[in-house]
Each structure stands twice: as C-alpha cells, then as structure tokens.
C-alpha cells in the first residue's frame, strides 16, 4: 500500500513540478526582456487579454516602466510558492530593486495554445524584514 501511495504521489508531483518550471521560465523570460529594454520581446509572454488591453509592445512597456519599475529593472528575483486560487495559478515572487527595496509580486498565469502566459501582476503588501 505504501508503494502505491508513493507511486501516486510521484505521478501527481512530476507534472506539477514540470508545470512550475514552465511557469517560472515564462516569467524569467519576460524579466530578461525587460532588463534588456525590449518591450516587444516582453509582450510575447503576455496573455491575449493583456495584449488586448495594451494593444502594442510600446504601450505595454511604458506601463511596466511607470507602474512596476521594480519589475522593469530588478537586481534580484526569487520564486516563492505557486498557488491555485479560485481555479487560477498564481506564482509569488520576491523582487529586490537596484536601490535595495524588496517587493512581493503575484503573477497570474494562464495556459493558452501558446503555452503558459502572464495574465496579470499584482504587487502584494510589503514583506516583513527577513523575507
């Protein structure tokens, strides 16, 4: 019985781990594009809903630069937990900006015909010291 439970756990955990790696890769790709100052490349990681809201990479890039400067130009990122909330997957990330400020961000992810894409970003309340 114990072997059966272990096998079931591994069958469930393997896809979840692969899913988490894919999601983190998408977010890392977008952050690298922002770091390179390439809003067109960053726009490719956005969901159809986000693309529809902003219309083009230039407008999208300006929104991120002005509204999320810590995402546009960060010094360090650390992936925290991936959670399911009301049927959506949310990836929490700790970001440190170049001035040393620490931010928690939540990325809403959706799976599309093009794979995982970013469907929104929310800044969470400031973390306690030591996060």
C-alpha atoms as a PDB file:
ATOM      1  CA  UNK A   1       0.000   0.000   0.000  1.00  0.00           C
ATOM      2  CA  UNK A   2       2.830   2.378   0.866  1.00  0.00           C
ATOM      3  CA  UNK A   3       4.425   1.803  -2.559  1.00  0.00           C
ATOM      4  CA  UNK A   4       1.115   2.531  -4.251  1.00  0.00           C
ATOM      5  CA  UNK A   5       0.766   5.832  -2.386  1.00  0.00           C
ATOM      6  CA  UNK A   6       4.340   6.768  -3.254  1.00  0.00           C
ATOM      7  CA  UNK A   7       3.729   5.948  -6.923  1.00  0.00           C
ATOM      8  CA  UNK A   8       0.530   8.014  -6.976  1.00  0.00           C
ATOM      9  CA  UNK A   9       2.330  10.927  -5.322  1.00  0.00           C
ATOM     10  CA  UNK A  10       5.141  10.775  -7.895  1.00  0.00           C
ATOM     11  CA  UNK A  11       2.652  10.678 -10.776  1.00  0.00           C
ATOM     12  CA  UNK A  12       0.956  13.808  -9.433  1.00  0.00           C
ATOM     13  CA  UNK A  13       4.122  15.634  -8.318  1.00  0.00           C
ATOM     14  CA  UNK A  14       6.041  15.212 -11.590  1.00  0.00           C
ATOM     15  CA  UNK A  15       3.535  17.123 -13.768  1.00  0.00           C
ATOM     16  CA  UNK A  16       3.162  19.780 -11.058  1.00  0.00           C
ATOM     17  CA  UNK A  17       6.935  20.273 -10.925  1.00  0.00           C
ATOM     18  CA  UNK A  18       7.130  20.471 -14.717  1.00  0.00           C
ATOM     19  CA  UNK A  19       4.265  22.973 -14.732  1.00  0.00           C
ATOM     20  CA  UNK A  20       6.018  25.082 -12.108  1.00  0.00           C
ATOM     21  CA  UNK A  21       9.273  25.043 -14.104  1.00  0.00           C
ATOM     22  CA  UNK A  22       7.429  26.120 -17.275  1.00  0.00           C
ATOM     23  CA  UNK A  23       5.691  28.964 -15.452  1.00  0.00           C
ATOM     24  CA  UNK A  24       8.928  30.185 -13.888  1.00  0.00           C
ATOM     25  CA  UNK A  25      10.647  30.040 -17.278  1.00  0.00           C
ATOM     26  CA  UNK A  26       7.962  32.293 -18.791  1.00  0.00           C
ATOM     27  CA  UNK A  27       8.301  34.863 -16.012  1.00  0.00           C
ATOM     28  CA  UNK A  28      12.111  34.761 -16.199  1.00  0.00           C
ATOM     29  CA  UNK A  29      11.928  35.254 -19.956  1.00  0.00           C
ATOM     30  CA  UNK A  30       9.770  38.330 -19.602  1.00  0.00           C
ATOM     31  CA  UNK A  31      12.016  39.773 -16.888  1.00  0.00           C
ATOM     32  CA  UNK A  32      15.082  39.230 -19.062  1.00  0.00           C
ATOM     33  CA  UNK A  33      13.348  41.057 -21.900  1.00  0.00           C
ATOM     34  CA  UNK A  34      12.561  43.983 -19.577  1.00  0.00           C
ATOM     35  CA  UNK A  35      16.184  44.020 -18.350  1.00  0.00           C
ATOM     36  CA  UNK A  36      17.298  44.192 -21.986  1.00  0.00           C
ATOM     37  CA  UNK A  37      14.913  47.100 -22.625  1.00  0.00           C
ATOM     38  CA  UNK A  38      12.972  45.014 -25.154  1.00  0.00           C
ATOM     39  CA  UNK A  39       9.232  45.552 -24.605  1.00  0.00           C
ATOM     40  CA  UNK A  40       8.392  43.692 -27.838  1.00  0.00           C
ATOM     41  CA  UNK A  41      10.004  40.508 -26.529  1.00  0.00           C
ATOM     42  CA  UNK A  42       8.392  41.015 -23.099  1.00  0.00           C
ATOM     43  CA  UNK A  43       4.978  41.499 -24.748  1.00  0.00           C
ATOM     44  CA  UNK A  44       5.198  37.990 -26.232  1.00  0.00           C
ATOM     45  CA  UNK A  45       4.946  36.495 -22.729  1.00  0.00           C
ATOM     46  CA  UNK A  46       1.657  38.324 -22.063  1.00  0.00           C
ATOM     47  CA  UNK A  47      -1.721  36.634 -22.384  1.00  0.00           C
ATOM     48  CA  UNK A  48      -4.184  37.572 -25.128  1.00  0.00           C
ATOM     49  CA  UNK A  49      -6.186  39.556 -22.540  1.00  0.00           C
ATOM     50  CA  UNK A  50      -3.137  41.651 -21.571  1.00  0.00           C
ATOM     51  CA  UNK A  51      -2.201  42.144 -25.232  1.00  0.00           C
ATOM     52  CA  UNK A  52      -5.755  43.310 -25.923  1.00  0.00           C
ATOM     53  CA  UNK A  53      -5.658  45.766 -23.005  1.00  0.00           C
ATOM     54  CA  UNK A  54      -2.423  47.456 -24.086  1.00  0.00           C
ATOM     55  CA  UNK A  55      -2.586  46.911 -27.834  1.00  0.00           C
ATOM     56  CA  UNK A  56       1.117  47.083 -28.586  1.00  0.00           C
ATOM     57  CA  UNK A  57       4.536  46.486 -27.003  1.00  0.00           C
ATOM     58  CA  UNK A  58       5.355  50.185 -26.681  1.00  0.00           C
ATOM     59  CA  UNK A  59       2.296  50.998 -24.561  1.00  0.00           C
ATOM     60  CA  UNK A  60       2.795  47.822 -22.540  1.00  0.00           C
ATOM     61  CA  UNK A  61       6.458  48.679 -21.904  1.00  0.00           C
ATOM     62  CA  UNK A  62       5.613  52.212 -20.762  1.00  0.00           C
ATOM     63  CA  UNK A  63       3.022  50.841 -18.322  1.00  0.00           C
ATOM     64  CA  UNK A  64       5.543  48.436 -16.802  1.00  0.00           C
ATOM     65  CA  UNK A  65       8.296  51.075 -16.602  1.00  0.00           C
ATOM     66  CA  UNK A  66       6.000  53.542 -14.832  1.00  0.00           C
ATOM     67  CA  UNK A  67       3.806  51.206 -12.800  1.00  0.00           C
ATOM     68  CA  UNK A  68       6.233  48.402 -11.966  1.00  0.00           C
ATOM     69  CA  UNK A  69       9.773  49.845 -12.068  1.00  0.00           C
ATOM     70  CA  UNK A  70      10.982  47.043  -9.773  1.00  0.00           C
ATOM     71  CA  UNK A  71       9.943  44.522 -12.433  1.00  0.00           C
ATOM     72  CA  UNK A  72      11.364  46.524 -15.343  1.00  0.00           C
ATOM     73  CA  UNK A  73      14.796  46.842 -13.783  1.00  0.00           C
ATOM     74  CA  UNK A  74      15.371  44.498 -10.866  1.00  0.00           C
ATOM     75  CA  UNK A  75      18.538  43.402  -9.134  1.00  0.00           C
ATOM     76  CA  UNK A  76      17.333  40.022  -7.896  1.00  0.00           C
ATOM     77  CA  UNK A  77      14.304  37.745  -8.102  1.00  0.00           C
ATOM     78  CA  UNK A  78      13.400  34.699  -6.083  1.00  0.00           C
ATOM     79  CA  UNK A  79      10.498  32.412  -6.880  1.00  0.00           C
ATOM     80  CA  UNK A  80       8.334  31.571  -3.914  1.00  0.00           C
ATOM     81  CA  UNK A  81       5.224  29.390  -3.928  1.00  0.00           C
ATOM     82  CA  UNK A  82       2.959  28.584  -6.849  1.00  0.00           C
ATOM     83  CA  UNK A  83      -0.647  28.517  -5.686  1.00  0.00           C
ATOM     84  CA  UNK A  84      -4.067  27.814  -7.081  1.00  0.00           C
ATOM     85  CA  UNK A  85      -6.638  30.447  -6.134  1.00  0.00           C
ATOM     86  CA  UNK A  86     -10.192  30.188  -7.458  1.00  0.00           C
ATOM     87  CA  UNK A  87      -9.034  27.941 -10.284  1.00  0.00           C
ATOM     88  CA  UNK A  88      -6.171  30.232 -11.389  1.00  0.00           C
ATOM     89  CA  UNK A  89      -2.449  29.643 -10.852  1.00  0.00           C
ATOM     90  CA  UNK A  90      -0.541  32.412  -9.109  1.00  0.00           C
ATOM     91  CA  UNK A  91       3.261  32.492  -8.857  1.00  0.00           C
ATOM     92  CA  UNK A  92       4.592  34.562  -5.968  1.00  0.00           C
ATOM     93  CA  UNK A  93       7.965  36.244  -6.488  1.00  0.00           C
ATOM     94  CA  UNK A  94      10.258  38.263  -4.249  1.00  0.00           C
ATOM     95  CA  UNK A  95      11.985  41.086  -6.126  1.00  0.00           C
ATOM     96  CA  UNK A  96      14.790  43.315  -4.915  1.00  0.00           C
ATOM     97  CA  UNK A  97      15.265  46.507  -6.897  1.00  0.00           C
ATOM     98  CA  UNK A  98      18.588  48.211  -7.539  1.00  0.00           C
ATOM     99  CA  UNK A  99      18.096  50.520  -4.528  1.00  0.00           C
ATOM    100  CA  UNK A 100      17.644  47.509  -2.219  1.00  0.00           C
ATOM    101  CA  UNK A 101      13.858  47.756  -1.888  1.00  0.00           C
ATOM    102  CA  UNK A 102      12.077  44.417  -1.523  1.00  0.00           C
ATOM    103  CA  UNK A 103       8.723  43.698  -3.166  1.00  0.00           C
ATOM    104  CA  UNK A 104       6.401  40.736  -3.356  1.00  0.00           C
ATOM    105  CA  UNK A 105       4.644  40.250  -6.667  1.00  0.00           C
ATOM    106  CA  UNK A 106       1.975  37.771  -7.666  1.00  0.00           C
ATOM    107  CA  UNK A 107       1.811  36.671 -11.307  1.00  0.00           C
ATOM    108  CA  UNK A 108      -1.487  35.263 -12.568  1.00  0.00           C
ATOM    109  CA  UNK A 109      -0.734  32.603 -15.158  1.00  0.00           C
ATOM    110  CA  UNK A 110      -2.976  31.128 -17.854  1.00  0.00           C
ATOM    111  CA  UNK A 111      -2.348  28.250 -20.173  1.00  0.00           C
ATOM    112  CA  UNK A 112      -3.028  29.108 -23.815  1.00  0.00           C
ATOM    113  CA  UNK A 113      -2.454  27.355 -27.117  1.00  0.00           C
ATOM    114  CA  UNK A 114       0.990  29.024 -26.998  1.00  0.00           C
ATOM    115  CA  UNK A 115       1.794  27.606 -23.558  1.00  0.00           C
ATOM    116  CA  UNK A 116       1.819  29.450 -20.248  1.00  0.00           C
ATOM    117  CA  UNK A 117       1.401  33.213 -20.416  1.00  0.00           C
ATOM    118  CA  UNK A 118       1.229  36.048 -17.898  1.00  0.00           C
ATOM    119  CA  UNK A 119      -2.337  37.242 -17.351  1.00  0.00           C
ATOM    120  CA  UNK A 120      -1.691  39.908 -14.745  1.00  0.00           C
ATOM    121  CA  UNK A 121       0.648  41.038 -11.993  1.00  0.00           C
ATOM    122  CA  UNK A 122      -0.287  42.295  -8.548  1.00  0.00           C
ATOM    123  CA  UNK A 123       2.026  43.920  -6.025  1.00  0.00           C
ATOM    124  CA  UNK A 124       1.419  42.359  -2.622  1.00  0.00           C
ATOM    125  CA  UNK A 125       1.811  44.151   0.727  1.00  0.00           C
ATOM    126  CA  UNK A 126       5.430  44.795   1.687  1.00  0.00           C
ATOM    127  CA  UNK A 127       7.112  41.771   3.253  1.00  0.00           C
ATOM    128  CA  UNK A 128       8.339  41.701   6.817  1.00  0.00           C
ATOM    129  CA  UNK A 129      12.073  42.029   7.419  1.00  0.00           C
ATOM    130  CA  UNK A 130      13.897  38.834   6.590  1.00  0.00           C
ATOM    131  CA  UNK A 131      11.628  37.655   3.777  1.00  0.00           C
END
